[in-house]
């Protein structure tokens, strides 16, 4: 008679964060709900995946919940281009409908197609 093997997956699943659904996709152009910047999404975390120090640096009155998608953006404002990490609750679809001028876009994306940036085939998986 062989020994009974019990899976511990149930215990690990209960520790998993709740499932969240991304409202935006890679290549979408978005703008921040509060701050004056817009950008192109290049990566998505299903829940918060940055440092606790970074999270605590956000003022408590505008600190987002961790259990939602967070987006990595090639961002720009009127003065600079940079990389931003933004919660879903703080993003809106961009209505400007124009390209973003971040210098890293050409390395990751195809030419702006009038509504979004298609990911270059080398970066798809």
C-alpha atoms as a PDB file:
ATOM      1  CA  UNK A   1       0.000   0.000   0.000  1.00  0.00           C
ATOM      2  CA  UNK A   2       1.403   3.390  -0.964  1.00  0.00           C
ATOM      3  CA  UNK A   3       1.437   6.311   1.477  1.00  0.00           C
ATOM      4  CA  UNK A   4      -1.244   8.984   1.170  1.00  0.00           C
ATOM      5  CA  UNK A   5       0.193  12.243  -0.113  1.00  0.00           C
ATOM      6  CA  UNK A   6      -1.758  15.344   0.729  1.00  0.00           C
ATOM      7  CA  UNK A   7      -1.251  18.470  -1.296  1.00  0.00           C
ATOM      8  CA  UNK A   8      -0.423  21.659   0.514  1.00  0.00           C
ATOM      9  CA  UNK A   9      -1.532  23.778  -2.447  1.00  0.00           C
ATOM     10  CA  UNK A  10      -4.743  24.733  -0.637  1.00  0.00           C
ATOM     11  CA  UNK A  11      -2.705  26.357   2.129  1.00  0.00           C
ATOM     12  CA  UNK A  12      -0.552  28.244  -0.381  1.00  0.00           C
ATOM     13  CA  UNK A  13      -3.588  29.399  -2.346  1.00  0.00           C
ATOM     14  CA  UNK A  14      -5.141  30.939   0.737  1.00  0.00           C
ATOM     15  CA  UNK A  15      -2.004  33.094   1.064  1.00  0.00           C
ATOM     16  CA  UNK A  16      -2.288  34.332  -2.525  1.00  0.00           C
ATOM     17  CA  UNK A  17      -3.577  37.867  -3.101  1.00  0.00           C
ATOM     18  CA  UNK A  18      -7.071  38.216  -4.522  1.00  0.00           C
ATOM     19  CA  UNK A  19      -7.399  38.162  -8.294  1.00  0.00           C
ATOM     20  CA  UNK A  20      -7.515  41.611  -9.825  1.00  0.00           C
ATOM     21  CA  UNK A  21      -8.321  42.620 -13.374  1.00  0.00           C
ATOM     22  CA  UNK A  22      -6.290  45.131 -15.335  1.00  0.00           C
ATOM     23  CA  UNK A  23      -8.295  47.892 -17.001  1.00  0.00           C
ATOM     24  CA  UNK A  24      -5.412  48.839 -19.285  1.00  0.00           C
ATOM     25  CA  UNK A  25      -2.941  46.901 -21.400  1.00  0.00           C
ATOM     26  CA  UNK A  26       0.651  47.155 -22.525  1.00  0.00           C
ATOM     27  CA  UNK A  27       0.991  49.891 -25.138  1.00  0.00           C
ATOM     28  CA  UNK A  28      -2.030  51.857 -23.874  1.00  0.00           C
ATOM     29  CA  UNK A  29      -1.605  55.566 -23.263  1.00  0.00           C
ATOM     30  CA  UNK A  30      -2.895  56.731 -19.890  1.00  0.00           C
ATOM     31  CA  UNK A  31      -2.813  59.811 -17.724  1.00  0.00           C
ATOM     32  CA  UNK A  32      -2.596  60.217 -13.961  1.00  0.00           C
ATOM     33  CA  UNK A  33      -5.856  61.115 -12.235  1.00  0.00           C
ATOM     34  CA  UNK A  34      -4.203  63.569  -9.795  1.00  0.00           C
ATOM     35  CA  UNK A  35      -0.822  64.601 -11.182  1.00  0.00           C
ATOM     36  CA  UNK A  36      -0.149  66.191 -14.576  1.00  0.00           C
ATOM     37  CA  UNK A  37       1.588  63.399 -16.460  1.00  0.00           C
ATOM     38  CA  UNK A  38       0.778  60.787 -19.067  1.00  0.00           C
ATOM     39  CA  UNK A  39       2.592  57.733 -20.319  1.00  0.00           C
ATOM     40  CA  UNK A  40       2.695  54.410 -22.124  1.00  0.00           C
ATOM     41  CA  UNK A  41       2.196  51.195 -20.154  1.00  0.00           C
ATOM     42  CA  UNK A  42       5.117  48.791 -20.556  1.00  0.00           C
ATOM     43  CA  UNK A  43       4.478  46.331 -17.714  1.00  0.00           C
ATOM     44  CA  UNK A  44       1.695  45.399 -15.295  1.00  0.00           C
ATOM     45  CA  UNK A  45       1.832  43.946 -11.778  1.00  0.00           C
ATOM     46  CA  UNK A  46      -1.453  42.270 -10.750  1.00  0.00           C
ATOM     47  CA  UNK A  47      -1.002  43.707  -7.233  1.00  0.00           C
ATOM     48  CA  UNK A  48       1.488  46.086  -5.608  1.00  0.00           C
ATOM     49  CA  UNK A  49       5.049  44.820  -6.096  1.00  0.00           C
ATOM     50  CA  UNK A  50       7.289  47.702  -5.091  1.00  0.00           C
ATOM     51  CA  UNK A  51       9.081  48.344  -1.785  1.00  0.00           C
ATOM     52  CA  UNK A  52       7.275  49.128   1.449  1.00  0.00           C
ATOM     53  CA  UNK A  53       9.484  52.219   1.765  1.00  0.00           C
ATOM     54  CA  UNK A  54       8.209  53.488  -1.614  1.00  0.00           C
ATOM     55  CA  UNK A  55       4.605  52.775  -0.583  1.00  0.00           C
ATOM     56  CA  UNK A  56       4.938  54.571   2.763  1.00  0.00           C
ATOM     57  CA  UNK A  57       6.426  57.627   1.025  1.00  0.00           C
ATOM     58  CA  UNK A  58       3.011  58.307  -0.558  1.00  0.00           C
ATOM     59  CA  UNK A  59       0.968  60.688   1.614  1.00  0.00           C
ATOM     60  CA  UNK A  60      -1.635  58.667   3.553  1.00  0.00           C
ATOM     61  CA  UNK A  61      -4.556  60.698   2.210  1.00  0.00           C
ATOM     62  CA  UNK A  62      -3.779  59.646  -1.382  1.00  0.00           C
ATOM     63  CA  UNK A  63      -2.074  56.280  -0.757  1.00  0.00           C
ATOM     64  CA  UNK A  64      -3.705  53.631  -2.996  1.00  0.00           C
ATOM     65  CA  UNK A  65      -4.777  50.148  -1.957  1.00  0.00           C
ATOM     66  CA  UNK A  66      -2.202  47.430  -2.675  1.00  0.00           C
ATOM     67  CA  UNK A  67      -4.686  44.828  -3.930  1.00  0.00           C
ATOM     68  CA  UNK A  68      -5.143  46.251  -7.419  1.00  0.00           C
ATOM     69  CA  UNK A  69      -3.075  46.294 -10.609  1.00  0.00           C
ATOM     70  CA  UNK A  70      -0.057  48.609 -10.678  1.00  0.00           C
ATOM     71  CA  UNK A  71       1.343  49.823 -13.984  1.00  0.00           C
ATOM     72  CA  UNK A  72       4.875  50.649 -15.091  1.00  0.00           C
ATOM     73  CA  UNK A  73       4.798  53.667 -17.392  1.00  0.00           C
ATOM     74  CA  UNK A  74       7.193  55.406 -19.708  1.00  0.00           C
ATOM     75  CA  UNK A  75       5.931  58.754 -18.445  1.00  0.00           C
ATOM     76  CA  UNK A  76       6.292  62.399 -19.348  1.00  0.00           C
ATOM     77  CA  UNK A  77       5.166  65.726 -18.022  1.00  0.00           C
ATOM     78  CA  UNK A  78       5.788  69.207 -19.388  1.00  0.00           C
ATOM     79  CA  UNK A  79       9.416  69.118 -18.144  1.00  0.00           C
ATOM     80  CA  UNK A  80      10.749  65.528 -17.970  1.00  0.00           C
ATOM     81  CA  UNK A  81      10.551  61.947 -19.152  1.00  0.00           C
ATOM     82  CA  UNK A  82      10.810  59.212 -16.510  1.00  0.00           C
ATOM     83  CA  UNK A  83       9.505  55.816 -15.418  1.00  0.00           C
ATOM     84  CA  UNK A  84       6.450  55.847 -13.133  1.00  0.00           C
ATOM     85  CA  UNK A  85       4.717  53.163 -11.059  1.00  0.00           C
ATOM     86  CA  UNK A  86       1.008  53.910 -10.696  1.00  0.00           C
ATOM     87  CA  UNK A  87      -2.033  52.164  -9.218  1.00  0.00           C
ATOM     88  CA  UNK A  88      -5.013  51.424 -11.412  1.00  0.00           C
ATOM     89  CA  UNK A  89      -7.252  53.706  -9.316  1.00  0.00           C
ATOM     90  CA  UNK A  90      -5.037  56.653 -10.259  1.00  0.00           C
ATOM     91  CA  UNK A  91      -5.051  56.146 -14.024  1.00  0.00           C
ATOM     92  CA  UNK A  92      -7.440  57.322 -16.707  1.00  0.00           C
ATOM     93  CA  UNK A  93      -7.505  56.585 -20.418  1.00  0.00           C
ATOM     94  CA  UNK A  94      -5.701  59.402 -22.225  1.00  0.00           C
ATOM     95  CA  UNK A  95      -8.039  61.541 -24.321  1.00  0.00           C
ATOM     96  CA  UNK A  96      -5.256  63.588 -25.884  1.00  0.00           C
ATOM     97  CA  UNK A  97      -4.860  60.855 -28.510  1.00  0.00           C
ATOM     98  CA  UNK A  98      -1.355  61.861 -29.438  1.00  0.00           C
ATOM     99  CA  UNK A  99       2.006  60.140 -29.158  1.00  0.00           C
ATOM    100  CA  UNK A 100       4.144  60.207 -26.024  1.00  0.00           C
ATOM    101  CA  UNK A 101       7.687  61.559 -26.416  1.00  0.00           C
ATOM    102  CA  UNK A 102       9.544  59.341 -23.927  1.00  0.00           C
ATOM    103  CA  UNK A 103      12.989  58.418 -25.385  1.00  0.00           C
ATOM    104  CA  UNK A 104      12.679  54.704 -24.431  1.00  0.00           C
ATOM    105  CA  UNK A 105       9.515  54.123 -26.473  1.00  0.00           C
ATOM    106  CA  UNK A 106      11.328  53.343 -29.737  1.00  0.00           C
ATOM    107  CA  UNK A 107      13.281  50.522 -28.079  1.00  0.00           C
ATOM    108  CA  UNK A 108      10.152  48.756 -26.819  1.00  0.00           C
ATOM    109  CA  UNK A 109       7.317  49.659 -29.145  1.00  0.00           C
ATOM    110  CA  UNK A 110       6.449  49.964 -32.820  1.00  0.00           C
ATOM    111  CA  UNK A 111       5.418  53.311 -34.276  1.00  0.00           C
ATOM    112  CA  UNK A 112       2.366  54.955 -32.658  1.00  0.00           C
ATOM    113  CA  UNK A 113      -0.718  53.686 -34.494  1.00  0.00           C
ATOM    114  CA  UNK A 114      -3.033  56.576 -33.664  1.00  0.00           C
ATOM    115  CA  UNK A 115      -4.391  55.098 -30.443  1.00  0.00           C
ATOM    116  CA  UNK A 116      -1.702  52.988 -28.804  1.00  0.00           C
ATOM    117  CA  UNK A 117       1.816  51.640 -29.172  1.00  0.00           C
ATOM    118  CA  UNK A 118       2.074  48.045 -30.462  1.00  0.00           C
ATOM    119  CA  UNK A 119       4.802  46.094 -28.640  1.00  0.00           C
ATOM    120  CA  UNK A 120       7.752  45.104 -30.821  1.00  0.00           C
ATOM    121  CA  UNK A 121       7.686  41.364 -31.637  1.00  0.00           C
ATOM    122  CA  UNK A 122      11.012  40.776 -29.847  1.00  0.00           C
ATOM    123  CA  UNK A 123       9.360  41.796 -26.531  1.00  0.00           C
ATOM    124  CA  UNK A 124       6.245  39.648 -26.892  1.00  0.00           C
ATOM    125  CA  UNK A 125       5.947  36.283 -25.177  1.00  0.00           C
END
